């Protein structure tokens, strides 16, 4: 029964998106509120992520598939309050099929473990980590526009399923893609809150950048402190 309800909700949502694409602003129905037994509830989010990963399958939607070893879907708590979004997998991530497991990943893990809410320090398993594109670009180049376009629907649906209270974007590509602002600069944006579908977004530097520019680590820590403050209700 729960699976059929999820299918009905998805059909209604898709119908609404089609109407909006056609310029129809007002719909003759309202989407039902999601309950705890639906994919948006804590009991169904894991299952919804599993279904999304199954939908991606052995993806051949863009040319990145030709050189990849593994699709790097994402990992973490399906009901995480905090979600980190990077650019794309690197060499280590491509080998292991997990996001942020190389040197940059170790730095991200250290950052997460320094963060705390109340008297509880976070662990990497408390958050959700994913990337804009799920396959490694050759030689770790920036993902190209057509590659991002082929993949962005998946990160958007991950956000929709997880419904985090806060998103931290890591680096320029993640920021520009999520906000649909190709002109925005990470150096100007970091440290300031933006919004994606009602969710506060904090841009900060990518850990790979910090490995090359360790003097800027304090800036990312400052951004993390703002995230902690907002989640704690201090701002």
C-alpha atoms as a PDB file:
ATOM      1  CA  UNK A   1       0.000   0.000   0.000  1.00  0.00           C
ATOM      2  CA  UNK A   2       2.797   2.429   0.906  1.00  0.00           C
ATOM      3  CA  UNK A   3       4.521   1.791  -2.436  1.00  0.00           C
ATOM      4  CA  UNK A   4       1.309   2.560  -4.367  1.00  0.00           C
ATOM      5  CA  UNK A   5       0.810   5.775  -2.381  1.00  0.00           C
ATOM      6  CA  UNK A   6       4.362   6.785  -3.266  1.00  0.00           C
ATOM      7  CA  UNK A   7       3.654   6.098  -6.949  1.00  0.00           C
ATOM      8  CA  UNK A   8       0.478   8.218  -6.838  1.00  0.00           C
ATOM      9  CA  UNK A   9       2.328  11.068  -5.170  1.00  0.00           C
ATOM     10  CA  UNK A  10       5.094  10.903  -7.798  1.00  0.00           C
ATOM     11  CA  UNK A  11       2.506  10.907 -10.622  1.00  0.00           C
ATOM     12  CA  UNK A  12       0.766  13.971  -9.191  1.00  0.00           C
ATOM     13  CA  UNK A  13       4.089  15.727  -8.697  1.00  0.00           C
ATOM     14  CA  UNK A  14       5.128  15.005 -12.292  1.00  0.00           C
ATOM     15  CA  UNK A  15       1.763  16.242 -13.558  1.00  0.00           C
ATOM     16  CA  UNK A  16       2.270  19.468 -11.652  1.00  0.00           C
ATOM     17  CA  UNK A  17       5.716  19.934 -13.185  1.00  0.00           C
ATOM     18  CA  UNK A  18       4.294  19.435 -16.685  1.00  0.00           C
ATOM     19  CA  UNK A  19       1.591  22.015 -16.020  1.00  0.00           C
ATOM     20  CA  UNK A  20       4.122  24.540 -14.794  1.00  0.00           C
ATOM     21  CA  UNK A  21       6.275  23.908 -17.866  1.00  0.00           C
ATOM     22  CA  UNK A  22       3.229  24.730 -20.005  1.00  0.00           C
ATOM     23  CA  UNK A  23       2.702  27.996 -18.151  1.00  0.00           C
ATOM     24  CA  UNK A  24      -0.236  26.800 -16.045  1.00  0.00           C
ATOM     25  CA  UNK A  25       0.310  28.341 -12.637  1.00  0.00           C
ATOM     26  CA  UNK A  26      -2.813  27.197 -10.756  1.00  0.00           C
ATOM     27  CA  UNK A  27      -3.554  23.494 -10.568  1.00  0.00           C
ATOM     28  CA  UNK A  28      -7.036  22.014 -10.083  1.00  0.00           C
ATOM     29  CA  UNK A  29      -5.798  19.890  -7.160  1.00  0.00           C
ATOM     30  CA  UNK A  30      -3.442  20.021  -4.197  1.00  0.00           C
ATOM     31  CA  UNK A  31      -0.712  17.511  -3.606  1.00  0.00           C
ATOM     32  CA  UNK A  32      -1.370  15.447  -0.484  1.00  0.00           C
ATOM     33  CA  UNK A  33       0.832  16.113   2.488  1.00  0.00           C
ATOM     34  CA  UNK A  34       3.523  13.509   2.941  1.00  0.00           C
ATOM     35  CA  UNK A  35       3.157  11.345   6.019  1.00  0.00           C
ATOM     36  CA  UNK A  36       5.760   9.427   7.961  1.00  0.00           C
ATOM     37  CA  UNK A  37       4.939   6.291   5.972  1.00  0.00           C
ATOM     38  CA  UNK A  38       5.617   8.008   2.638  1.00  0.00           C
ATOM     39  CA  UNK A  39       9.067   8.447   0.998  1.00  0.00           C
ATOM     40  CA  UNK A  40       9.368  11.851   2.665  1.00  0.00           C
ATOM     41  CA  UNK A  41       8.952  10.358   6.137  1.00  0.00           C
ATOM     42  CA  UNK A  42      11.833   8.917   8.108  1.00  0.00           C
ATOM     43  CA  UNK A  43      10.482   5.389   7.687  1.00  0.00           C
ATOM     44  CA  UNK A  44      10.530   5.559   3.902  1.00  0.00           C
ATOM     45  CA  UNK A  45      13.516   7.702   2.973  1.00  0.00           C
ATOM     46  CA  UNK A  46      15.998   4.829   2.861  1.00  0.00           C
ATOM     47  CA  UNK A  47      13.665   2.895   0.572  1.00  0.00           C
ATOM     48  CA  UNK A  48      13.169   5.947  -1.633  1.00  0.00           C
ATOM     49  CA  UNK A  49      16.929   6.374  -2.017  1.00  0.00           C
ATOM     50  CA  UNK A  50      17.272   2.707  -2.892  1.00  0.00           C
ATOM     51  CA  UNK A  51      14.602   3.098  -5.573  1.00  0.00           C
ATOM     52  CA  UNK A  52      16.349   6.173  -6.966  1.00  0.00           C
ATOM     53  CA  UNK A  53      19.655   4.315  -7.136  1.00  0.00           C
ATOM     54  CA  UNK A  54      17.883   1.470  -8.930  1.00  0.00           C
ATOM     55  CA  UNK A  55      16.422   3.965 -11.399  1.00  0.00           C
ATOM     56  CA  UNK A  56      19.897   5.291 -12.182  1.00  0.00           C
ATOM     57  CA  UNK A  57      20.969   1.729 -12.914  1.00  0.00           C
ATOM     58  CA  UNK A  58      24.086   1.259 -15.053  1.00  0.00           C
ATOM     59  CA  UNK A  59      23.740   4.837 -16.219  1.00  0.00           C
ATOM     60  CA  UNK A  60      24.731   5.716 -19.810  1.00  0.00           C
ATOM     61  CA  UNK A  61      22.980   9.078 -19.949  1.00  0.00           C
ATOM     62  CA  UNK A  62      26.169  11.060 -20.648  1.00  0.00           C
ATOM     63  CA  UNK A  63      29.699  10.526 -21.893  1.00  0.00           C
ATOM     64  CA  UNK A  64      31.180  10.295 -18.383  1.00  0.00           C
ATOM     65  CA  UNK A  65      29.916   6.722 -18.233  1.00  0.00           C
ATOM     66  CA  UNK A  66      32.535   5.653 -20.793  1.00  0.00           C
ATOM     67  CA  UNK A  67      35.461   6.148 -18.429  1.00  0.00           C
ATOM     68  CA  UNK A  68      34.054   5.414 -15.006  1.00  0.00           C
ATOM     69  CA  UNK A  69      34.560   2.354 -12.830  1.00  0.00           C
ATOM     70  CA  UNK A  70      31.723   2.970 -10.405  1.00  0.00           C
ATOM     71  CA  UNK A  71      28.717   5.231 -10.061  1.00  0.00           C
ATOM     72  CA  UNK A  72      29.124   7.237  -6.858  1.00  0.00           C
ATOM     73  CA  UNK A  73      25.569   7.706  -5.672  1.00  0.00           C
ATOM     74  CA  UNK A  74      26.039   9.166  -2.198  1.00  0.00           C
ATOM     75  CA  UNK A  75      25.994   7.961   1.386  1.00  0.00           C
ATOM     76  CA  UNK A  76      24.882   8.862   4.875  1.00  0.00           C
ATOM     77  CA  UNK A  77      21.701   9.181   6.891  1.00  0.00           C
ATOM     78  CA  UNK A  78      18.550   9.286   4.809  1.00  0.00           C
ATOM     79  CA  UNK A  79      17.037  11.646   7.408  1.00  0.00           C
ATOM     80  CA  UNK A  80      20.167  13.770   7.883  1.00  0.00           C
ATOM     81  CA  UNK A  81      19.710  17.323   9.105  1.00  0.00           C
ATOM     82  CA  UNK A  82      22.819  18.374   7.179  1.00  0.00           C
ATOM     83  CA  UNK A  83      23.770  17.518   3.598  1.00  0.00           C
ATOM     84  CA  UNK A  84      27.087  18.173   1.857  1.00  0.00           C
ATOM     85  CA  UNK A  85      27.154  18.421  -1.934  1.00  0.00           C
ATOM     86  CA  UNK A  86      30.362  18.374  -3.935  1.00  0.00           C
ATOM     87  CA  UNK A  87      31.224  18.482  -7.600  1.00  0.00           C
ATOM     88  CA  UNK A  88      31.999  14.947  -8.744  1.00  0.00           C
ATOM     89  CA  UNK A  89      33.960  11.815  -7.841  1.00  0.00           C
ATOM     90  CA  UNK A  90      37.733  11.706  -8.033  1.00  0.00           C
ATOM     91  CA  UNK A  91      40.046   8.746  -8.569  1.00  0.00           C
ATOM     92  CA  UNK A  92      39.607   7.192  -5.113  1.00  0.00           C
ATOM     93  CA  UNK A  93      35.865   7.733  -5.175  1.00  0.00           C
ATOM     94  CA  UNK A  94      35.613   6.121  -8.614  1.00  0.00           C
ATOM     95  CA  UNK A  95      37.492   3.071  -7.356  1.00  0.00           C
ATOM     96  CA  UNK A  96      35.504   2.654  -4.141  1.00  0.00           C
ATOM     97  CA  UNK A  97      32.122   3.886  -5.331  1.00  0.00           C
ATOM     98  CA  UNK A  98      31.849   6.220  -2.320  1.00  0.00           C
ATOM     99  CA  UNK A  99      31.941  10.028  -2.134  1.00  0.00           C
ATOM    100  CA  UNK A 100      34.861  11.917  -0.578  1.00  0.00           C
ATOM    101  CA  UNK A 101      37.153   9.049   0.422  1.00  0.00           C
ATOM    102  CA  UNK A 102      40.502  10.393  -0.850  1.00  0.00           C
ATOM    103  CA  UNK A 103      42.646  13.121   0.692  1.00  0.00           C
ATOM    104  CA  UNK A 104      39.924  15.708   0.186  1.00  0.00           C
ATOM    105  CA  UNK A 105      37.461  13.320   1.762  1.00  0.00           C
ATOM    106  CA  UNK A 106      39.646  12.877   4.821  1.00  0.00           C
ATOM    107  CA  UNK A 107      39.698  16.657   5.225  1.00  0.00           C
ATOM    108  CA  UNK A 108      35.915  16.825   4.884  1.00  0.00           C
ATOM    109  CA  UNK A 109      35.534  14.084   7.489  1.00  0.00           C
ATOM    110  CA  UNK A 110      37.729  16.076   9.901  1.00  0.00           C
ATOM    111  CA  UNK A 111      35.578  19.137   9.353  1.00  0.00           C
ATOM    112  CA  UNK A 112      32.377  17.194  10.016  1.00  0.00           C
ATOM    113  CA  UNK A 113      33.794  15.666  13.192  1.00  0.00           C
ATOM    114  CA  UNK A 114      34.713  19.130  14.499  1.00  0.00           C
ATOM    115  CA  UNK A 115      31.114  20.273  14.098  1.00  0.00           C
ATOM    116  CA  UNK A 116      28.631  19.839  16.901  1.00  0.00           C
ATOM    117  CA  UNK A 117      25.022  20.559  17.802  1.00  0.00           C
ATOM    118  CA  UNK A 118      24.482  21.083  21.506  1.00  0.00           C
ATOM    119  CA  UNK A 119      26.779  18.683  23.342  1.00  0.00           C
ATOM    120  CA  UNK A 120      26.979  16.172  20.482  1.00  0.00           C
ATOM    121  CA  UNK A 121      29.847  16.121  18.033  1.00  0.00           C
ATOM    122  CA  UNK A 122      28.914  14.987  14.561  1.00  0.00           C
ATOM    123  CA  UNK A 123      30.216  11.904  12.859  1.00  0.00           C
ATOM    124  CA  UNK A 124      30.407  11.412   9.120  1.00  0.00           C
ATOM    125  CA  UNK A 125      27.549   8.911   9.380  1.00  0.00           C
ATOM    126  CA  UNK A 126      25.281  11.630  10.815  1.00  0.00           C
ATOM    127  CA  UNK A 127      25.221  13.616   7.567  1.00  0.00           C
ATOM    128  CA  UNK A 128      24.516  12.844   3.912  1.00  0.00           C
ATOM    129  CA  UNK A 129      27.225  13.370   1.283  1.00  0.00           C
ATOM    130  CA  UNK A 130      26.705  13.409  -2.482  1.00  0.00           C
ATOM    131  CA  UNK A 131      27.938  15.051  -5.673  1.00  0.00           C
ATOM    132  CA  UNK A 132      26.404  16.957  -8.573  1.00  0.00           C
ATOM    133  CA  UNK A 133      27.574  14.313 -11.057  1.00  0.00           C
ATOM    134  CA  UNK A 134      27.785  10.633 -10.154  1.00  0.00           C
ATOM    135  CA  UNK A 135      30.650   9.597 -12.455  1.00  0.00           C
ATOM    136  CA  UNK A 136      34.261  10.761 -12.443  1.00  0.00           C
ATOM    137  CA  UNK A 137      35.192  13.328 -15.104  1.00  0.00           C
ATOM    138  CA  UNK A 138      38.419  12.391 -16.935  1.00  0.00           C
ATOM    139  CA  UNK A 139      41.550  13.670 -15.173  1.00  0.00           C
ATOM    140  CA  UNK A 140      39.266  15.266 -12.562  1.00  0.00           C
ATOM    141  CA  UNK A 141      38.317  18.069 -14.947  1.00  0.00           C
ATOM    142  CA  UNK A 142      35.211  20.180 -14.282  1.00  0.00           C
ATOM    143  CA  UNK A 143      32.024  18.432 -15.369  1.00  0.00           C
ATOM    144  CA  UNK A 144      30.647  19.954 -18.563  1.00  0.00           C
ATOM    145  CA  UNK A 145      27.221  21.507 -18.988  1.00  0.00           C
ATOM    146  CA  UNK A 146      25.662  18.536 -20.782  1.00  0.00           C
ATOM    147  CA  UNK A 147      27.011  16.155 -18.132  1.00  0.00           C
ATOM    148  CA  UNK A 148      25.588  18.278 -15.346  1.00  0.00           C
ATOM    149  CA  UNK A 149      22.252  18.533 -17.153  1.00  0.00           C
ATOM    150  CA  UNK A 150      22.071  14.740 -17.488  1.00  0.00           C
ATOM    151  CA  UNK A 151      22.730  14.209 -13.785  1.00  0.00           C
ATOM    152  CA  UNK A 152      21.318  17.160 -11.867  1.00  0.00           C
ATOM    153  CA  UNK A 153      17.851  15.634 -11.570  1.00  0.00           C
ATOM    154  CA  UNK A 154      19.296  12.913  -9.363  1.00  0.00           C
ATOM    155  CA  UNK A 155      20.850  15.260  -6.800  1.00  0.00           C
ATOM    156  CA  UNK A 156      17.626  17.265  -6.781  1.00  0.00           C
ATOM    157  CA  UNK A 157      15.672  14.122  -6.000  1.00  0.00           C
ATOM    158  CA  UNK A 158      18.123  13.113  -3.291  1.00  0.00           C
ATOM    159  CA  UNK A 159      17.528  16.493  -1.654  1.00  0.00           C
ATOM    160  CA  UNK A 160      13.763  16.044  -2.048  1.00  0.00           C
ATOM    161  CA  UNK A 161      13.886  12.634  -0.360  1.00  0.00           C
ATOM    162  CA  UNK A 162      16.273  13.560   2.470  1.00  0.00           C
ATOM    163  CA  UNK A 163      14.798  17.011   3.130  1.00  0.00           C
ATOM    164  CA  UNK A 164      17.818  18.274   5.075  1.00  0.00           C
ATOM    165  CA  UNK A 165      17.524  21.341   7.265  1.00  0.00           C
ATOM    166  CA  UNK A 166      20.732  22.716   5.766  1.00  0.00           C
ATOM    167  CA  UNK A 167      22.896  22.160   2.686  1.00  0.00           C
ATOM    168  CA  UNK A 168      26.607  22.924   2.452  1.00  0.00           C
ATOM    169  CA  UNK A 169      27.879  23.179  -1.112  1.00  0.00           C
ATOM    170  CA  UNK A 170      31.560  22.405  -1.604  1.00  0.00           C
ATOM    171  CA  UNK A 171      33.184  24.472  -4.325  1.00  0.00           C
ATOM    172  CA  UNK A 172      32.093  26.499  -7.320  1.00  0.00           C
ATOM    173  CA  UNK A 173      30.416  23.828  -9.456  1.00  0.00           C
ATOM    174  CA  UNK A 174      28.102  22.611  -6.706  1.00  0.00           C
ATOM    175  CA  UNK A 175      27.121  26.174  -5.814  1.00  0.00           C
ATOM    176  CA  UNK A 176      26.467  27.319  -9.376  1.00  0.00           C
ATOM    177  CA  UNK A 177      24.557  24.168 -10.279  1.00  0.00           C
ATOM    178  CA  UNK A 178      22.313  24.026  -7.236  1.00  0.00           C
ATOM    179  CA  UNK A 179      21.393  27.707  -7.379  1.00  0.00           C
ATOM    180  CA  UNK A 180      21.285  27.771 -11.203  1.00  0.00           C
ATOM    181  CA  UNK A 181      23.579  30.797 -11.154  1.00  0.00           C
ATOM    182  CA  UNK A 182      26.548  30.178 -13.471  1.00  0.00           C
ATOM    183  CA  UNK A 183      27.906  33.644 -12.783  1.00  0.00           C
ATOM    184  CA  UNK A 184      28.182  33.382  -9.005  1.00  0.00           C
ATOM    185  CA  UNK A 185      31.702  33.223  -7.572  1.00  0.00           C
ATOM    186  CA  UNK A 186      32.593  31.017  -4.628  1.00  0.00           C
ATOM    187  CA  UNK A 187      34.951  33.629  -3.188  1.00  0.00           C
ATOM    188  CA  UNK A 188      32.122  36.156  -3.004  1.00  0.00           C
ATOM    189  CA  UNK A 189      29.382  33.708  -2.010  1.00  0.00           C
ATOM    190  CA  UNK A 190      31.042  31.661   0.719  1.00  0.00           C
ATOM    191  CA  UNK A 191      30.080  32.587   4.234  1.00  0.00           C
ATOM    192  CA  UNK A 192      26.644  33.827   3.142  1.00  0.00           C
ATOM    193  CA  UNK A 193      23.375  31.930   3.281  1.00  0.00           C
ATOM    194  CA  UNK A 194      21.392  31.295   0.113  1.00  0.00           C
ATOM    195  CA  UNK A 195      18.301  29.170  -0.417  1.00  0.00           C
ATOM    196  CA  UNK A 196      17.321  26.133  -2.443  1.00  0.00           C
ATOM    197  CA  UNK A 197      13.651  25.115  -2.385  1.00  0.00           C
ATOM    198  CA  UNK A 198      13.241  26.657   1.043  1.00  0.00           C
ATOM    199  CA  UNK A 199      16.405  25.030   2.429  1.00  0.00           C
ATOM    200  CA  UNK A 200      19.251  27.297   3.634  1.00  0.00           C
ATOM    201  CA  UNK A 201      22.443  26.772   1.636  1.00  0.00           C
ATOM    202  CA  UNK A 202      25.923  27.647   2.870  1.00  0.00           C
ATOM    203  CA  UNK A 203      28.608  27.684   0.155  1.00  0.00           C
ATOM    204  CA  UNK A 204      32.172  26.989   1.179  1.00  0.00           C
ATOM    205  CA  UNK A 205      35.439  25.945  -0.425  1.00  0.00           C
ATOM    206  CA  UNK A 206      35.920  22.446  -1.774  1.00  0.00           C
ATOM    207  CA  UNK A 207      38.267  20.355   0.408  1.00  0.00           C
ATOM    208  CA  UNK A 208      40.542  19.805  -2.615  1.00  0.00           C
ATOM    209  CA  UNK A 209      41.018  23.586  -2.804  1.00  0.00           C
ATOM    210  CA  UNK A 210      41.891  23.656   0.896  1.00  0.00           C
ATOM    211  CA  UNK A 211      44.562  20.994   0.362  1.00  0.00           C
ATOM    212  CA  UNK A 212      46.215  23.375  -2.100  1.00  0.00           C
ATOM    213  CA  UNK A 213      45.476  26.479  -0.007  1.00  0.00           C
ATOM    214  CA  UNK A 214      45.586  25.448   3.655  1.00  0.00           C
ATOM    215  CA  UNK A 215      45.698  29.078   4.775  1.00  0.00           C
ATOM    216  CA  UNK A 216      41.984  29.316   3.882  1.00  0.00           C
ATOM    217  CA  UNK A 217      40.888  26.491   6.173  1.00  0.00           C
ATOM    218  CA  UNK A 218      39.856  29.001   8.810  1.00  0.00           C
ATOM    219  CA  UNK A 219      37.370  30.500   6.343  1.00  0.00           C
ATOM    220  CA  UNK A 220      35.670  27.140   5.859  1.00  0.00           C
ATOM    221  CA  UNK A 221      35.613  26.633   9.636  1.00  0.00           C
ATOM    222  CA  UNK A 222      33.955  30.032   9.962  1.00  0.00           C
ATOM    223  CA  UNK A 223      31.319  28.901   7.442  1.00  0.00           C
ATOM    224  CA  UNK A 224      30.807  25.677   9.418  1.00  0.00           C
ATOM    225  CA  UNK A 225      30.265  27.660  12.611  1.00  0.00           C
ATOM    226  CA  UNK A 226      27.506  29.638  10.906  1.00  0.00           C
ATOM    227  CA  UNK A 227      25.874  26.374   9.870  1.00  0.00           C
ATOM    228  CA  UNK A 228      26.034  25.079  13.431  1.00  0.00           C
ATOM    229  CA  UNK A 229      24.557  28.308  14.724  1.00  0.00           C
ATOM    230  CA  UNK A 230      21.658  28.232  12.283  1.00  0.00           C
ATOM    231  CA  UNK A 231      20.890  24.590  13.011  1.00  0.00           C
ATOM    232  CA  UNK A 232      21.020  25.269  16.743  1.00  0.00           C
ATOM    233  CA  UNK A 233      18.495  28.061  16.275  1.00  0.00           C
ATOM    234  CA  UNK A 234      20.908  30.798  17.224  1.00  0.00           C
ATOM    235  CA  UNK A 235      20.359  32.755  14.015  1.00  0.00           C
END
